[in-house]
Amino acid sequence: MLEVERRSGNCPKTIGIWTAFRYYEGGGEHTVIVNTWGIADRAQLISSGKKVVEYKAPLKPPLPPA
């Protein structure tokens, strides 16, 4: 789980991720996918760096209380 920096809306405090590792002789790949499907529509990449990725996505309306 990752903590979410909430600026507005109904974002959850944490969000899940999927990870995949693929090793090669002399290197490898590390893929991380953020699981936003339950709270937002399609995400768009805003910026990325060596250790930071920033996305934006329109939030889905909150679910009614059970």
N, C-alpha and C. Protein backbone atom coordinates (compact mmCIF):
# COMPACT_ATOMS: atom_id res chain seq x y z
N MET A 1 0.84 -1.18 0.00
CA MET A 1 0.00 0.00 0.00
C MET A 1 0.88 1.24 0.00
N LEU A 2 0.43 2.25 -0.71
CA LEU A 2 1.12 3.52 -0.76
C LEU A 2 0.23 4.59 -0.16
N GLU A 3 0.83 5.55 0.52
CA GLU A 3 0.07 6.69 1.02
C GLU A 3 -0.24 7.61 -0.15
N VAL A 4 -1.41 8.25 -0.12
CA VAL A 4 -1.86 9.15 -1.17
C VAL A 4 -1.80 10.57 -0.66
N GLU A 5 -1.25 11.47 -1.47
CA GLU A 5 -1.27 12.89 -1.14
C GLU A 5 -2.56 13.47 -1.71
N ARG A 6 -3.50 13.76 -0.84
CA ARG A 6 -4.82 14.23 -1.26
C ARG A 6 -4.86 15.75 -1.24
N ARG A 7 -5.23 16.32 -2.37
CA ARG A 7 -5.35 17.78 -2.48
C ARG A 7 -6.81 18.20 -2.51
N SER A 8 -7.67 17.32 -3.01
CA SER A 8 -9.11 17.59 -3.03
C SER A 8 -9.84 16.30 -3.38
N GLY A 9 -11.16 16.33 -3.30
CA GLY A 9 -11.95 15.16 -3.69
C GLY A 9 -12.04 14.10 -2.62
N ASN A 10 -12.33 12.88 -3.05
CA ASN A 10 -12.58 11.78 -2.12
C ASN A 10 -11.54 10.68 -2.26
N CYS A 11 -10.29 11.03 -2.45
CA CYS A 11 -9.21 10.03 -2.56
C CYS A 11 -9.09 9.26 -1.25
N PRO A 12 -8.77 7.97 -1.35
CA PRO A 12 -8.51 7.21 -0.12
C PRO A 12 -7.16 7.61 0.46
N LYS A 13 -6.90 7.22 1.70
CA LYS A 13 -5.62 7.54 2.35
C LYS A 13 -4.49 6.67 1.81
N THR A 14 -4.81 5.46 1.34
CA THR A 14 -3.81 4.57 0.77
C THR A 14 -4.35 3.96 -0.53
N ILE A 15 -3.44 3.43 -1.32
CA ILE A 15 -3.82 2.80 -2.58
C ILE A 15 -2.91 1.61 -2.83
N GLY A 16 -3.44 0.57 -3.44
CA GLY A 16 -2.66 -0.64 -3.70
C GLY A 16 -1.82 -0.53 -4.97
N ILE A 17 -0.79 -1.36 -5.05
CA ILE A 17 0.05 -1.42 -6.25
C ILE A 17 0.32 -2.87 -6.61
N TRP A 18 0.61 -3.12 -7.88
CA TRP A 18 1.09 -4.40 -8.37
C TRP A 18 2.53 -4.19 -8.80
N THR A 19 3.37 -5.16 -8.55
CA THR A 19 4.77 -5.06 -8.98
C THR A 19 5.16 -6.31 -9.75
N ALA A 20 6.09 -6.13 -10.67
CA ALA A 20 6.63 -7.25 -11.45
C ALA A 20 8.12 -7.02 -11.65
N PHE A 21 8.89 -8.07 -11.51
CA PHE A 21 10.34 -8.00 -11.69
C PHE A 21 10.73 -8.95 -12.81
N ARG A 22 11.62 -8.51 -13.66
CA ARG A 22 12.13 -9.35 -14.74
C ARG A 22 13.64 -9.16 -14.78
N TYR A 23 14.36 -10.23 -14.51
CA TYR A 23 15.82 -10.15 -14.40
C TYR A 23 16.49 -10.63 -15.68
N TYR A 24 17.52 -9.94 -16.07
CA TYR A 24 18.33 -10.29 -17.23
C TYR A 24 19.78 -10.38 -16.80
N GLU A 25 20.58 -11.03 -17.59
CA GLU A 25 22.01 -11.05 -17.32
C GLU A 25 22.52 -9.63 -17.52
N GLY A 26 23.01 -9.04 -16.44
CA GLY A 26 23.52 -7.68 -16.51
C GLY A 26 22.48 -6.60 -16.27
N GLY A 27 21.27 -6.93 -15.85
CA GLY A 27 20.27 -5.89 -15.60
C GLY A 27 18.90 -6.49 -15.34
N GLY A 28 17.88 -5.67 -15.53
CA GLY A 28 16.53 -6.14 -15.31
C GLY A 28 15.51 -5.03 -15.44
N GLU A 29 14.24 -5.39 -15.28
CA GLU A 29 13.12 -4.45 -15.32
C GLU A 29 12.34 -4.54 -14.02
N HIS A 30 11.84 -3.42 -13.58
CA HIS A 30 10.97 -3.36 -12.41
C HIS A 30 9.75 -2.56 -12.82
N THR A 31 8.58 -3.20 -12.86
CA THR A 31 7.34 -2.55 -13.27
C THR A 31 6.44 -2.38 -12.06
N VAL A 32 5.86 -1.19 -11.89
CA VAL A 32 4.93 -0.91 -10.80
C VAL A 32 3.66 -0.35 -11.43
N ILE A 33 2.51 -0.93 -11.08
CA ILE A 33 1.22 -0.47 -11.59
C ILE A 33 0.36 -0.07 -10.41
N VAL A 34 -0.14 1.15 -10.43
CA VAL A 34 -0.99 1.65 -9.35
C VAL A 34 -2.42 1.21 -9.61
N ASN A 35 -3.09 0.68 -8.60
CA ASN A 35 -4.45 0.17 -8.72
C ASN A 35 -5.45 1.28 -8.42
N THR A 36 -5.78 2.09 -9.43
CA THR A 36 -6.72 3.21 -9.24
C THR A 36 -8.12 2.91 -9.75
N TRP A 37 -8.32 1.72 -10.34
CA TRP A 37 -9.59 1.45 -11.01
C TRP A 37 -10.81 1.62 -10.11
N GLY A 38 -10.73 1.28 -8.85
CA GLY A 38 -11.88 1.38 -7.95
C GLY A 38 -12.26 2.80 -7.57
N ILE A 39 -11.34 3.76 -7.72
CA ILE A 39 -11.61 5.13 -7.26
C ILE A 39 -11.56 6.17 -8.37
N ALA A 40 -10.98 5.81 -9.53
CA ALA A 40 -10.80 6.82 -10.57
C ALA A 40 -10.94 6.20 -11.96
N ASP A 41 -11.18 7.07 -12.93
CA ASP A 41 -11.18 6.64 -14.32
C ASP A 41 -9.74 6.58 -14.82
N ARG A 42 -9.55 6.48 -16.11
CA ARG A 42 -8.23 6.31 -16.72
C ARG A 42 -7.25 7.41 -16.27
N ALA A 43 -6.08 6.98 -15.82
CA ALA A 43 -5.06 7.91 -15.33
C ALA A 43 -4.18 8.41 -16.46
N GLN A 44 -3.64 9.62 -16.27
CA GLN A 44 -2.74 10.22 -17.24
C GLN A 44 -1.43 10.56 -16.52
N LEU A 45 -0.30 10.17 -17.12
CA LEU A 45 1.01 10.46 -16.55
C LEU A 45 1.29 11.95 -16.66
N ILE A 46 1.66 12.58 -15.55
CA ILE A 46 1.99 14.00 -15.53
C ILE A 46 3.49 14.20 -15.59
N SER A 47 4.23 13.52 -14.71
CA SER A 47 5.69 13.63 -14.71
C SER A 47 6.27 12.41 -14.02
N SER A 48 7.56 12.18 -14.26
CA SER A 48 8.23 11.05 -13.61
C SER A 48 9.70 11.38 -13.44
N GLY A 49 10.28 10.74 -12.45
CA GLY A 49 11.70 10.89 -12.16
C GLY A 49 12.24 9.53 -11.78
N LYS A 50 13.43 9.52 -11.20
CA LYS A 50 14.06 8.26 -10.83
C LYS A 50 13.28 7.50 -9.76
N LYS A 51 12.67 8.22 -8.81
CA LYS A 51 11.94 7.57 -7.71
C LYS A 51 10.52 8.09 -7.53
N VAL A 52 10.06 8.97 -8.42
CA VAL A 52 8.74 9.59 -8.26
C VAL A 52 7.98 9.54 -9.58
N VAL A 53 6.70 9.20 -9.50
CA VAL A 53 5.82 9.26 -10.65
C VAL A 53 4.57 10.01 -10.23
N GLU A 54 4.09 10.94 -11.05
CA GLU A 54 2.90 11.71 -10.73
C GLU A 54 1.85 11.47 -11.81
N TYR A 55 0.64 11.10 -11.37
CA TYR A 55 -0.48 10.85 -12.25
C TYR A 55 -1.62 11.79 -11.89
N LYS A 56 -2.56 11.94 -12.83
CA LYS A 56 -3.84 12.57 -12.49
C LYS A 56 -4.93 11.76 -13.16
N ALA A 57 -6.09 11.74 -12.50
CA ALA A 57 -7.23 10.99 -13.03
C ALA A 57 -8.50 11.57 -12.44
N PRO A 58 -9.58 11.64 -13.25
CA PRO A 58 -10.85 12.09 -12.69
C PRO A 58 -11.38 11.05 -11.70
N LEU A 59 -11.75 11.50 -10.52
CA LEU A 59 -12.26 10.60 -9.49
C LEU A 59 -13.69 10.17 -9.78
N LYS A 60 -13.99 8.93 -9.43
CA LYS A 60 -15.36 8.44 -9.51
C LYS A 60 -16.12 8.97 -8.30
N PRO A 61 -17.44 9.11 -8.39
CA PRO A 61 -18.20 9.57 -7.22
C PRO A 61 -18.06 8.57 -6.07
N PRO A 62 -18.10 9.04 -4.81
CA PRO A 62 -17.99 8.11 -3.68
C PRO A 62 -19.18 7.16 -3.64
N LEU A 63 -18.94 5.96 -3.14
CA LEU A 63 -20.02 4.98 -3.00
C LEU A 63 -20.94 5.40 -1.85
N PRO A 64 -22.24 5.14 -1.98
CA PRO A 64 -23.14 5.46 -0.88
C PRO A 64 -22.85 4.55 0.32
N PRO A 65 -23.12 5.02 1.54
CA PRO A 65 -22.87 4.19 2.73
C PRO A 65 -23.67 2.89 2.66
N ALA A 66 -23.08 1.84 3.18
CA ALA A 66 -23.74 0.52 3.16
C ALA A 66 -24.78 0.41 4.23
